[in-house]
Amino acid sequence: MSGSGPLAFHVMTKPIGPVCNLDCTYCFYLEKKDLYPGNRRWRMSDELLESYVRQYIEAQDVPEVHFAWQGGEPTLMGLEFFRRVVELQRRHAGGKTVHNALQTNGTLLDDEWCAFLAENRFLVGLSIDGPRDVHDAHRVGRKGEPTFDRVLATMRLLRRHGVDFNTLTVVNSLNAERPLDVYRFLRAEGSGFVQFIPIVERGPDGAPTPETVSGGQWGAFLCAVYDEWVSRDVGRVFVQLFDATLNAFCGLPNPMCVFAPECGRAMALEHNGDLYSCDHFVYPEHRLGNVLRTPLRVLAESPQQAAFGQAKRTALTQACRRCPVLFACNGDCPKHRFALSPDGEPGHSHLCAGYLRFFQHCAPTMRAMAGLLREGRPPALVMDLARNERAAKFRGVGRNDPCPCGSGRKFKACCAPRLR
């Protein structure tokens, strides 16, 4: 993270800290209230907002600057706060193009909100975990009430207003067992851009929480969704993890920090101006400083942050270093590295088995798409190859047999209708 060359880093901005109107059972951020005991004002002040907007734009030696607003639930700040955000960005843009992304649970958005988001070209990330039963199993209100109907209504409202949005689905131990139900639901509801984020959390005893997805579940989930996507949706539905994987097979830098060789370019800003090394490492030992006292750029380039980022590469287990898919995975997120490697070495990714299975599974068609891109041809042409391979896999399967896709459903009720 030296000062040579263009500086580009990303900050997840938490204007209301961990405060949220939901009480999702797997949320890892609600506990961050313990960092600020006795705090009664969970709101970013106007003084901090203006200083941060100015510093963030000035610190980016690139023509386009991307702000990301998260929580908790950032829409609890109210619409006037975000009108002020846009006003300050225009004042301090200095000729740069400014973009905004808003991650939300969607329960507070209405027509006025959506009109504003469309007019100011916000990219909205909408959290939804799949069909009603799997979504409402974990994403509930403060009184335990279901939220699916409100979120689905918001998705349709976003489409009606022409707001650019993607869906963020937290893959947990429940919905991981229903990969095609989840993916087909998102596709049917018009999500053209899909993010799948595995939930990996540990309890006080260090063991994975009940909601945590296992490596085996994660690999099976990705493979099942990928087989559906690569045989019919390439170029029509964009799955972030699949796009990132294609980058790796093309020899390009991976846009997802969890797969980058080093991290440290994605930090988190709390409501009071405290800057942390990463959204997943908001702990006292990873606090870099406060942007009202030390310039944001200085904190982002600090030796502490450089060491944090480099540790991802230097702490790889020996099993990772000799792994054939290291180029695509790079050992996964350091937050997930609490398992033992096959050699018994600590510091291995909890999701290793899943990623190994997925990257090996998708390799033939990923290489084919990479080849098409090198020839200047659309990667969607891979779908013919994928459909032929898929048809061969299903040949001879009885209608009442378990579906080979791994969904757990009978063939006749799952993939059979789509193979006609």
Protein backbone atom coordinates (compact mmCIF):
# COMPACT_ATOMS: atom_id res chain seq x y z
CA MET A 1 0.00 0.00 0.00
CA SER A 2 2.77 2.41 -0.88
CA GLY A 3 2.08 5.89 -2.19
CA SER A 4 3.32 5.10 -5.70
CA GLY A 5 0.70 4.83 -8.42
CA PRO A 6 -3.02 5.58 -8.21
CA LEU A 7 -4.57 5.02 -4.83
CA ALA A 8 -7.93 3.31 -4.89
CA PHE A 9 -9.57 1.87 -1.83
CA HIS A 10 -13.09 1.20 -0.70
CA VAL A 11 -14.89 2.09 2.51
CA MET A 12 -18.14 0.58 3.75
CA THR A 13 -19.80 3.51 5.47
CA LYS A 14 -21.96 2.80 8.53
CA PRO A 15 -23.79 6.11 9.14
CA ILE A 16 -26.00 4.58 11.83
CA GLY A 17 -23.54 1.95 13.06
CA PRO A 18 -25.11 -1.42 13.91
CA VAL A 19 -28.60 -0.04 14.55
CA CYS A 20 -31.25 -1.95 12.61
CA ASN A 21 -35.03 -2.37 12.59
CA LEU A 22 -34.64 -6.12 12.02
CA ASP A 23 -33.21 -8.84 14.23
CA CYS A 24 -31.80 -11.36 11.77
CA THR A 25 -30.67 -14.43 13.66
CA TYR A 26 -27.33 -14.70 11.85
CA CYS A 27 -26.35 -11.00 11.89
CA PHE A 28 -22.75 -10.48 12.97
CA TYR A 29 -22.95 -6.69 13.22
CA LEU A 30 -25.59 -6.10 15.88
CA GLU A 31 -23.04 -6.97 18.56
CA LYS A 32 -20.91 -3.97 17.53
CA LYS A 33 -22.97 -1.84 19.92
CA ASP A 34 -20.67 -3.27 22.59
CA LEU A 35 -17.79 -1.28 21.08
CA TYR A 36 -19.44 1.95 22.20
CA PRO A 37 -21.01 1.28 25.62
CA GLY A 38 -23.31 4.04 26.81
CA ASN A 39 -23.55 5.54 23.32
CA ARG A 40 -26.96 7.15 22.80
CA ARG A 41 -26.38 8.80 19.45
CA TRP A 42 -26.04 6.26 16.70
CA ARG A 43 -26.04 8.82 13.89
CA MET A 44 -23.29 10.29 11.78
CA SER A 45 -23.08 14.04 12.44
CA ASP A 46 -23.20 16.58 9.64
CA GLU A 47 -19.67 17.69 10.54
CA LEU A 48 -18.35 14.16 10.11
CA LEU A 49 -20.39 13.55 6.96
CA GLU A 50 -18.98 16.58 5.17
CA SER A 51 -15.42 15.86 6.29
CA TYR A 52 -15.67 12.24 5.23
CA VAL A 53 -17.23 12.96 1.83
CA ARG A 54 -14.52 15.53 1.07
CA GLN A 55 -11.67 13.34 2.30
CA TYR A 56 -12.87 10.21 0.53
CA ILE A 57 -13.18 11.97 -2.82
CA GLU A 58 -9.83 13.74 -2.45
CA ALA A 59 -8.06 10.53 -1.43
CA GLN A 60 -9.10 8.63 -4.55
CA ASP A 61 -6.59 9.12 -7.38
CA VAL A 62 -9.09 7.73 -9.87
CA PRO A 63 -11.73 9.48 -12.02
CA GLU A 64 -14.70 7.59 -10.51
CA VAL A 65 -15.38 7.41 -6.78
CA HIS A 66 -17.70 4.80 -5.26
CA PHE A 67 -19.44 5.36 -1.93
CA ALA A 68 -21.12 2.43 -0.14
CA TRP A 69 -23.72 2.98 2.59
CA GLN A 70 -24.49 0.09 4.91
CA GLY A 71 -25.54 -0.65 8.46
CA GLY A 72 -27.26 -1.81 10.49
CA GLU A 73 -29.96 -0.39 8.32
CA PRO A 74 -28.79 2.85 6.66
CA THR A 75 -32.29 3.99 5.63
CA LEU A 76 -32.99 4.60 9.33
CA MET A 77 -30.96 7.78 8.81
CA GLY A 78 -33.88 9.12 6.79
CA LEU A 79 -34.16 10.42 3.26
CA GLU A 80 -32.96 13.94 4.15
CA PHE A 81 -29.60 12.51 5.23
CA PHE A 82 -29.07 11.03 1.78
CA ARG A 83 -30.21 14.22 0.08
CA ARG A 84 -27.44 15.89 2.08
CA VAL A 85 -25.00 13.17 0.94
CA VAL A 86 -25.71 13.93 -2.70
CA GLU A 87 -25.44 17.68 -2.11
CA LEU A 88 -22.02 17.32 -0.46
CA GLN A 89 -20.75 14.94 -3.12
CA ARG A 90 -21.62 17.45 -5.84
CA ARG A 91 -19.91 20.23 -3.90
CA HIS A 92 -16.68 18.31 -3.40
CA ALA A 93 -16.59 16.18 -6.58
CA GLY A 94 -13.79 18.21 -8.13
CA GLY A 95 -14.55 16.91 -11.61
CA LYS A 96 -14.73 13.26 -10.55
CA THR A 97 -17.76 11.07 -11.17
CA VAL A 98 -19.37 9.93 -7.93
CA HIS A 99 -21.41 6.74 -7.53
CA ASN A 100 -23.44 5.52 -4.57
CA ALA A 101 -24.40 2.02 -3.45
CA LEU A 102 -26.96 1.45 -0.70
CA GLN A 103 -27.31 -1.93 1.02
CA THR A 104 -30.75 -2.26 2.63
CA ASN A 105 -33.18 -4.78 4.05
CA GLY A 106 -35.81 -2.97 1.99
CA THR A 107 -38.49 -2.74 4.67
CA LEU A 108 -38.52 1.07 4.87
CA LEU A 109 -38.41 2.05 1.20
CA ASP A 110 -41.46 3.70 -0.37
CA ASP A 111 -42.26 5.62 -3.56
CA GLU A 112 -40.50 8.78 -2.37
CA TRP A 113 -37.36 6.85 -1.51
CA CYS A 114 -37.38 4.98 -4.82
CA ALA A 115 -37.89 8.17 -6.84
CA PHE A 116 -34.85 9.68 -5.10
CA LEU A 117 -32.73 6.57 -5.65
CA ALA A 118 -33.65 6.43 -9.33
CA GLU A 119 -33.07 10.16 -9.90
CA ASN A 120 -29.63 10.03 -8.27
CA ARG A 121 -28.70 6.69 -9.79
CA PHE A 122 -28.03 4.83 -6.57
CA LEU A 123 -27.24 1.14 -6.94
CA VAL A 124 -29.36 -0.65 -4.35
CA GLY A 125 -28.41 -3.96 -2.79
CA LEU A 126 -31.57 -5.64 -1.50
CA SER A 127 -31.22 -8.39 1.09
CA ILE A 128 -33.51 -11.35 0.40
CA ASP A 129 -32.71 -14.97 1.19
CA GLY A 130 -35.02 -16.75 -1.21
CA PRO A 131 -38.66 -17.92 -1.11
CA ARG A 132 -40.89 -17.01 1.82
CA ASP A 133 -40.14 -19.92 4.14
CA VAL A 134 -36.36 -19.73 3.94
CA HIS A 135 -36.29 -15.92 4.04
CA ASP A 136 -38.58 -15.64 7.06
CA ALA A 137 -36.68 -18.35 8.94
CA HIS A 138 -33.91 -15.87 9.77
CA ARG A 139 -34.77 -12.38 8.48
CA VAL A 140 -37.32 -11.23 11.03
CA GLY A 141 -38.33 -7.99 12.72
CA ARG A 142 -37.55 -6.90 16.28
CA LYS A 143 -40.60 -8.81 17.53
CA GLY A 144 -39.88 -11.88 15.45
CA GLU A 145 -42.37 -10.96 12.75
CA PRO A 146 -41.79 -12.12 9.14
CA THR A 147 -40.46 -9.65 6.58
CA PHE A 148 -40.77 -11.48 3.26
CA ASP A 149 -43.88 -9.67 1.99
CA ARG A 150 -42.40 -6.24 2.66
CA VAL A 151 -39.11 -7.10 0.98
CA LEU A 152 -40.76 -8.62 -2.07
CA ALA A 153 -43.00 -5.56 -2.42
CA THR A 154 -39.90 -3.38 -2.30
CA MET A 155 -38.21 -5.40 -5.03
CA ARG A 156 -41.19 -4.80 -7.28
CA LEU A 157 -41.26 -1.13 -6.29
CA LEU A 158 -37.60 -0.75 -7.25
CA ARG A 159 -38.31 -2.29 -10.64
CA ARG A 160 -41.30 -0.01 -11.18
CA HIS A 161 -39.23 3.10 -10.50
CA GLY A 162 -36.35 1.91 -12.66
CA VAL A 163 -33.86 1.73 -9.76
CA ASP A 164 -30.73 -0.27 -10.49
CA PHE A 165 -30.57 -3.03 -7.90
CA ASN A 166 -29.02 -6.36 -7.12
CA THR A 167 -30.09 -8.96 -4.61
CA LEU A 168 -27.91 -10.14 -1.75
CA THR A 169 -28.70 -13.59 -0.47
CA VAL A 170 -27.05 -14.83 2.70
CA VAL A 171 -26.47 -18.55 2.22
CA ASN A 172 -26.98 -20.29 5.54
CA SER A 173 -27.42 -23.85 6.75
CA LEU A 174 -31.12 -23.78 5.79
CA ASN A 175 -31.33 -22.27 2.30
CA ALA A 176 -28.06 -23.95 1.32
CA GLU A 177 -30.10 -27.14 1.06
CA ARG A 178 -32.35 -25.60 -1.62
CA PRO A 179 -30.01 -24.01 -4.18
CA LEU A 180 -32.29 -24.19 -7.20
CA ASP A 181 -35.37 -23.03 -5.32
CA VAL A 182 -33.42 -19.96 -4.18
CA TYR A 183 -31.86 -19.18 -7.56
CA ARG A 184 -35.02 -19.76 -9.58
CA PHE A 185 -37.02 -17.60 -7.19
CA LEU A 186 -34.57 -14.70 -7.55
CA ARG A 187 -34.52 -15.06 -11.32
CA ALA A 188 -38.31 -15.24 -11.56
CA GLU A 189 -38.65 -12.07 -9.48
CA GLY A 190 -36.39 -10.15 -11.85
CA SER A 191 -33.06 -10.12 -10.08
CA GLY A 192 -30.61 -9.78 -12.93
CA PHE A 193 -27.65 -9.28 -10.58
CA VAL A 194 -27.22 -11.80 -7.77
CA GLN A 195 -24.84 -11.92 -4.83
CA PHE A 196 -24.47 -15.03 -2.69
CA ILE A 197 -22.71 -14.46 0.63
CA PRO A 198 -21.96 -17.48 2.87
CA ILE A 199 -22.70 -16.98 6.55
CA VAL A 200 -19.72 -18.12 8.61
CA GLU A 201 -19.92 -17.14 12.27
CA ARG A 202 -18.68 -18.63 15.53
CA GLY A 203 -20.21 -18.72 18.97
CA PRO A 204 -18.47 -17.90 22.26
CA ASP A 205 -16.94 -21.38 22.33
CA GLY A 206 -15.36 -20.89 18.91
CA ALA A 207 -17.59 -23.45 17.21
CA PRO A 208 -19.60 -22.52 14.10
CA THR A 209 -23.08 -21.20 14.87
CA PRO A 210 -26.13 -23.28 13.85
CA GLU A 211 -26.80 -20.87 10.95
CA THR A 212 -23.29 -21.25 9.54
CA VAL A 213 -23.08 -22.98 6.18
CA SER A 214 -20.66 -25.91 6.04
CA GLY A 215 -18.01 -26.26 3.38
CA GLY A 216 -19.86 -29.22 1.89
CA GLN A 217 -23.15 -27.32 1.75
CA TRP A 218 -21.50 -24.28 0.19
CA GLY A 219 -19.84 -26.32 -2.54
CA ALA A 220 -23.03 -28.22 -3.37
CA PHE A 221 -25.01 -24.97 -3.44
CA LEU A 222 -22.60 -23.25 -5.82
CA CYS A 223 -22.33 -26.25 -8.14
CA ALA A 224 -26.12 -26.66 -8.42
CA VAL A 225 -26.71 -22.98 -9.13
CA TYR A 226 -23.79 -22.84 -11.54
CA ASP A 227 -25.07 -25.77 -13.60
CA GLU A 228 -28.43 -24.03 -14.00
CA TRP A 229 -26.84 -20.68 -14.77
CA VAL A 230 -24.22 -21.88 -17.26
CA SER A 231 -26.76 -23.88 -19.26
CA ARG A 232 -29.36 -21.11 -19.68
CA ASP A 233 -28.57 -17.72 -18.07
CA VAL A 234 -25.09 -16.61 -19.16
CA GLY A 235 -25.37 -12.99 -20.31
CA ARG A 236 -28.87 -12.66 -18.85
CA VAL A 237 -28.32 -13.14 -15.12
CA PHE A 238 -25.09 -11.93 -13.54
CA VAL A 239 -23.92 -13.81 -10.46
CA GLN A 240 -21.13 -11.90 -8.74
CA LEU A 241 -19.18 -14.96 -7.65
CA PHE A 242 -19.33 -16.53 -11.11
CA ASP A 243 -18.19 -13.29 -12.77
CA ALA A 244 -15.30 -13.09 -10.30
CA THR A 245 -14.36 -16.70 -11.04
CA LEU A 246 -14.30 -15.98 -14.78
CA ASN A 247 -11.91 -13.11 -14.08
CA ALA A 248 -9.58 -15.56 -12.35
CA PHE A 249 -9.72 -18.02 -15.26
CA CYS A 250 -8.94 -15.13 -17.61
CA GLY A 251 -5.90 -14.20 -15.54
CA LEU A 252 -7.42 -10.88 -14.47
CA PRO A 253 -7.49 -9.33 -10.98
CA ASN A 254 -10.36 -10.63 -8.89
CA PRO A 255 -12.92 -7.92 -8.04
CA MET A 256 -14.00 -9.70 -4.82
CA CYS A 257 -11.74 -9.01 -1.86
CA VAL A 258 -12.29 -12.51 -0.42
CA PHE A 259 -10.51 -13.94 -3.48
CA ALA A 260 -7.76 -11.33 -3.82
CA PRO A 261 -4.18 -12.41 -3.00
CA GLU A 262 -4.02 -9.63 -0.41
CA CYS A 263 -6.71 -7.59 1.31
CA GLY A 264 -6.64 -4.23 3.06
CA ARG A 265 -8.29 -2.14 0.35
CA ALA A 266 -11.79 -2.46 1.82
CA MET A 267 -12.26 -0.73 5.16
CA ALA A 268 -15.24 0.15 7.34
CA LEU A 269 -16.17 3.56 8.74
CA GLU A 270 -18.30 3.68 11.86
CA HIS A 271 -20.91 6.35 12.65
CA ASN A 272 -18.45 8.36 14.80
CA GLY A 273 -15.60 8.45 12.28
CA ASP A 274 -13.63 5.44 13.54
CA LEU A 275 -12.02 3.59 10.64
CA TYR A 276 -11.45 -0.17 10.85
CA SER A 277 -9.33 -2.47 8.70
CA CYS A 278 -12.32 -4.39 7.33
CA ASP A 279 -16.07 -4.75 7.76
CA HIS A 280 -15.46 -8.23 9.19
CA PHE A 281 -12.76 -7.03 11.60
CA VAL A 282 -14.49 -4.21 13.44
CA TYR A 283 -12.69 -4.93 16.71
CA PRO A 284 -10.56 -2.64 18.88
CA GLU A 285 -7.29 -4.19 17.72
CA HIS A 286 -8.15 -3.38 14.09
CA ARG A 287 -9.16 0.25 14.66
CA LEU A 288 -6.93 2.44 12.47
CA GLY A 289 -7.97 5.80 13.91
CA ASN A 290 -10.62 8.46 13.50
CA VAL A 291 -10.97 10.47 10.28
CA LEU A 292 -11.82 13.66 12.21
CA ARG A 293 -8.39 13.51 13.85
CA THR A 294 -6.23 11.77 11.23
CA PRO A 295 -6.73 12.16 7.47
CA LEU A 296 -8.49 9.22 5.85
CA ARG A 297 -5.71 8.81 3.30
CA VAL A 298 -3.07 8.58 6.02
CA LEU A 299 -5.05 5.85 7.80
CA ALA A 300 -5.64 3.93 4.58
CA GLU A 301 -1.89 3.95 3.80
CA SER A 302 -0.77 3.26 7.36
CA PRO A 303 1.73 0.48 8.17
CA GLN A 304 -0.95 -1.15 10.33
CA GLN A 305 -3.30 -1.46 7.36
CA ALA A 306 -0.52 -2.59 5.05
CA ALA A 307 0.40 -5.37 7.46
CA PHE A 308 -3.25 -6.39 7.77
CA GLY A 309 -3.58 -6.72 4.00
CA GLN A 310 -0.30 -8.59 3.47
CA ALA A 311 -1.08 -11.11 6.21
CA LYS A 312 -3.68 -12.72 3.98
CA ARG A 313 -0.92 -13.96 1.67
CA THR A 314 1.77 -14.68 4.24
CA ALA A 315 -0.55 -16.68 6.54
CA LEU A 316 -1.62 -19.23 3.92
CA THR A 317 -1.44 -22.83 5.06
CA GLN A 318 0.85 -25.22 3.21
CA ALA A 319 -2.23 -27.00 1.84
CA CYS A 320 -3.37 -23.72 0.29
CA ARG A 321 0.04 -23.00 -1.20
CA ARG A 322 0.04 -26.25 -3.17
CA CYS A 323 -3.68 -26.21 -4.03
CA PRO A 324 -4.52 -26.33 -7.77
CA VAL A 325 -7.24 -23.67 -7.37
CA LEU A 326 -5.20 -21.20 -5.30
CA PHE A 327 -5.27 -18.80 -8.27
CA ALA A 328 -9.04 -18.51 -7.90
CA CYS A 329 -9.50 -18.74 -4.13
CA ASN A 330 -6.31 -17.33 -2.56
CA GLY A 331 -7.22 -18.95 0.72
CA ASP A 332 -10.63 -17.27 1.09
CA CYS A 333 -11.39 -14.48 3.59
CA PRO A 334 -9.13 -14.41 6.69
CA LYS A 335 -12.30 -14.26 8.79
CA HIS A 336 -13.11 -17.81 7.69
CA ARG A 337 -9.68 -19.25 8.47
CA PHE A 338 -10.33 -21.00 11.75
CA ALA A 339 -10.33 -24.62 10.56
CA LEU A 340 -7.54 -27.15 10.33
CA SER A 341 -6.07 -27.97 6.94
CA PRO A 342 -5.99 -31.58 5.69
CA ASP A 343 -2.46 -31.66 7.18
CA GLY A 344 -3.73 -30.53 10.58
CA GLU A 345 -2.35 -27.00 10.23
CA PRO A 346 -4.48 -24.25 11.83
CA GLY A 347 -5.62 -21.17 9.91
CA HIS A 348 -7.40 -22.93 7.05
CA SER A 349 -10.70 -21.77 5.55
CA HIS A 350 -13.85 -23.30 6.99
CA LEU A 351 -15.21 -23.27 3.41
CA CYS A 352 -12.18 -24.87 1.74
CA ALA A 353 -13.91 -28.11 0.73
CA GLY A 354 -16.73 -26.17 -0.86
CA TYR A 355 -14.53 -23.85 -2.87
CA LEU A 356 -12.29 -26.70 -4.00
CA ARG A 357 -15.32 -28.62 -5.25
CA PHE A 358 -16.83 -25.60 -7.00
CA PHE A 359 -13.68 -24.33 -8.75
CA GLN A 360 -12.85 -27.80 -10.01
CA HIS A 361 -16.45 -28.38 -11.08
CA CYS A 362 -16.76 -25.17 -13.10
CA ALA A 363 -13.26 -25.29 -14.61
CA PRO A 364 -14.15 -26.82 -18.03
CA THR A 365 -16.87 -24.31 -18.86
CA MET A 366 -14.96 -21.42 -17.26
CA ARG A 367 -11.97 -22.21 -19.50
CA ALA A 368 -14.33 -22.37 -22.47
CA MET A 369 -15.76 -18.92 -21.64
CA ALA A 370 -12.27 -17.52 -21.16
CA GLY A 371 -11.35 -18.85 -24.59
CA LEU A 372 -14.43 -17.27 -26.16
CA LEU A 373 -13.54 -13.91 -24.62
CA ARG A 374 -9.96 -14.12 -25.96
CA GLU A 375 -11.43 -14.72 -29.42
CA GLY A 376 -13.70 -11.69 -29.06
CA ARG A 377 -16.81 -13.87 -28.94
CA PRO A 378 -19.60 -13.71 -26.35
CA PRO A 379 -19.17 -16.13 -23.43
CA ALA A 380 -22.90 -16.92 -23.67
CA LEU A 381 -21.98 -19.30 -26.51
CA VAL A 382 -20.83 -21.69 -23.77
CA MET A 383 -24.47 -22.49 -23.02
CA ASP A 384 -24.74 -24.92 -25.94
CA LEU A 385 -21.78 -26.88 -24.59
CA ALA A 386 -23.16 -26.79 -21.07
CA ARG A 387 -26.61 -27.94 -22.16
CA ASN A 388 -25.14 -30.89 -24.05
CA GLU A 389 -23.06 -31.90 -21.04
CA ARG A 390 -26.04 -31.47 -18.76
CA ALA A 391 -28.30 -33.54 -20.97
CA ALA A 392 -25.73 -36.34 -20.90
CA LYS A 393 -25.68 -36.21 -17.10
CA PHE A 394 -29.47 -36.57 -16.92
CA ARG A 395 -29.77 -39.24 -19.59
CA GLY A 396 -31.34 -42.39 -18.21
CA VAL A 397 -32.60 -40.80 -14.98
CA GLY A 398 -36.13 -41.93 -14.09
CA ARG A 399 -38.80 -39.32 -13.46
CA ASN A 400 -39.21 -40.48 -9.87
CA ASP A 401 -35.48 -40.73 -9.19
CA PRO A 402 -33.67 -38.08 -7.12
CA CYS A 403 -32.63 -35.22 -9.39
CA PRO A 404 -28.88 -35.42 -10.24
CA CYS A 405 -28.57 -31.66 -9.75
CA GLY A 406 -28.46 -32.20 -6.00
CA SER A 407 -31.62 -30.32 -5.11
CA GLY A 408 -33.01 -33.23 -3.11
CA ARG A 409 -36.23 -33.20 -5.16
CA LYS A 410 -37.52 -35.78 -7.62
CA PHE A 411 -36.28 -35.41 -11.17
CA LYS A 412 -39.80 -34.89 -12.57
CA ALA A 413 -40.45 -31.95 -10.22
CA CYS A 414 -37.06 -30.33 -10.65
CA CYS A 415 -34.96 -30.31 -13.82
CA ALA A 416 -36.95 -32.61 -16.12
CA PRO A 417 -39.35 -29.91 -17.41
CA ARG A 418 -36.39 -27.67 -18.29
CA LEU A 419 -34.61 -30.31 -20.36
CA ARG A 420 -37.35 -30.70 -22.93
